C-alpha atoms as a PDB file:
ATOM      1  CA  MET A   1       0.164  -0.396  -0.066  1.00  0.00           C
ATOM      2  CA  ARG A   2       2.919   2.550   0.751  1.00  0.00           C
ATOM      3  CA  LYS A   3       4.605   1.946  -2.433  1.00  0.00           C
ATOM      4  CA  TYR A   4       1.148   3.484  -4.252  1.00  0.00           C
ATOM      5  CA  ILE A   5       0.825   5.968  -1.379  1.00  0.00           C
ATOM      6  CA  LEU A   6       4.179   7.071  -1.535  1.00  0.00           C
ATOM      7  CA  ASN A   7       5.219   7.435  -5.774  1.00  0.00           C
ATOM      8  CA  GLY A   8       5.816  10.338  -7.202  1.00  0.00           C
ATOM      9  CA  SER A   9       3.075   9.703 -10.324  1.00  0.00           C
ATOM     10  CA  ILE A  10       0.740   8.980  -8.379  1.00  0.00           C
ATOM     11  CA  ILE A  11       1.002  11.942  -6.016  1.00  0.00           C
ATOM     12  CA  SER A  12       1.068  13.724  -9.288  1.00  0.00           C
ATOM     13  CA  ALA A  13      -1.990  12.513 -11.099  1.00  0.00           C
ATOM     14  CA  ILE A  14      -3.928  12.637  -7.906  1.00  0.00           C
ATOM     15  CA  VAL A  15      -2.913  16.734  -7.807  1.00  0.00           C
ATOM     16  CA  SER A  16      -4.082  17.204 -11.544  1.00  0.00           C
ATOM     17  CA  SER A  17      -7.077  15.371 -10.859  1.00  0.00           C
ATOM     18  CA  TRP A  18      -8.292  17.152  -7.708  1.00  0.00           C
ATOM     19  CA  SER A  19      -7.440  20.782  -9.523  1.00  0.00           C
ATOM     20  CA  THR A  20     -10.081  19.255 -12.398  1.00  0.00           C
ATOM     21  CA  VAL A  21     -12.887  18.520 -10.202  1.00  0.00           C
ATOM     22  CA  ARG A  22     -12.363  21.816  -8.575  1.00  0.00           C
ATOM     23  CA  THR A  23     -12.868  23.325 -12.032  1.00  0.00           C
ATOM     24  CA  GLY A  24     -15.921  21.586 -12.735  1.00  0.00           C
ATOM     25  CA  ALA A  25     -17.335  22.593  -9.430  1.00  0.00           C
ATOM     26  CA  GLN A  26     -16.822  26.620 -10.314  1.00  0.00           C
ATOM     27  CA  GLY A  27     -17.215  26.606 -13.776  1.00  0.00           C
ATOM     28  CA  GLN A  28     -19.753  25.428 -16.283  1.00  0.00           C
ATOM     29  CA  ARG A  29     -19.352  21.454 -17.279  1.00  0.00           C
ATOM     30  CA  ASP A  30     -19.151  21.117 -20.889  1.00  0.00           C
ATOM     31  CA  TRP A  31     -17.513  18.658 -23.295  1.00  0.00           C
ATOM     32  CA  ARG A  32     -14.359  20.090 -22.311  1.00  0.00           C
ATOM     33  CA  PHE A  33     -14.371  19.301 -18.534  1.00  0.00           C
ATOM     34  CA  TYR A  34     -15.842  15.707 -19.300  1.00  0.00           C
ATOM     35  CA  LEU A  35     -12.912  14.849 -21.089  1.00  0.00           C
ATOM     36  CA  SER A  36     -10.792  16.423 -18.870  1.00  0.00           C
ATOM     37  CA  VAL A  37     -11.899  13.670 -16.414  1.00  0.00           C
ATOM     38  CA  ALA A  38     -11.698  11.028 -18.280  1.00  0.00           C
ATOM     39  CA  ALA A  39      -7.989  12.241 -18.929  1.00  0.00           C
ATOM     40  CA  SER A  40      -7.752  12.221 -15.260  1.00  0.00           C
ATOM     41  CA  ILE A  41      -9.419   8.876 -14.705  1.00  0.00           C
ATOM     42  CA  LEU A  42      -6.997   7.223 -17.609  1.00  0.00           C
ATOM     43  CA  THR A  43      -4.199   9.022 -16.009  1.00  0.00           C
ATOM     44  CA  LEU A  44      -4.631   7.669 -12.546  1.00  0.00           C
ATOM     45  CA  VAL A  45      -4.927   3.843 -14.008  1.00  0.00           C
ATOM     46  CA  VAL A  46      -1.937   4.513 -15.810  1.00  0.00           C
ATOM     47  CA  ALA A  47      -0.122   5.664 -12.679  1.00  0.00           C
ATOM     48  CA  PHE A  48      -1.372   2.497 -10.745  1.00  0.00           C
ATOM     49  CA  GLY A  49      -0.697  -0.050 -13.379  1.00  0.00           C
ATOM     50  CA  THR A  50       3.018   1.319 -13.798  1.00  0.00           C
ATOM     51  CA  VAL A  51       3.620   0.861  -9.905  1.00  0.00           C
ATOM     52  CA  HIS A  52       2.155  -2.250  -9.832  1.00  0.00           C
ATOM     53  CA  ILE A  53       4.340  -3.753 -12.986  1.00  0.00           C
ATOM     54  CA  GLU A  54       7.264  -1.716 -11.103  1.00  0.00           C
ATOM     55  CA  SER A  55       6.564  -3.936  -7.833  1.00  0.00           C
ATOM     56  CA  GLN A  56       6.358  -7.027  -9.689  1.00  0.00           C
ATOM     57  CA  GLU A  57       9.871  -6.908 -11.775  1.00  0.00           C
ATOM     58  CA  LYS A  58      11.449  -6.450  -7.808  1.00  0.00           C
ATOM     59  CA  GLN A  59      10.223  -9.188  -6.799  1.00  0.00           C
ATOM     60  CA  ASP A  60      11.274 -11.392  -9.743  1.00  0.00           C
END
């Protein structure tokens, strides 16, 4: 669990996702906002996947 929380790519993905959510809460929600949300989710998925693969490589 600690490997996920302390990883730099996951931290940056969470920070960028948080700013996307705050922007959507303050402004209008049009198609650009929804694309930003989708990009944020994909960034988080890639970051978690990368950490998972790296931890498996270290175990082998």
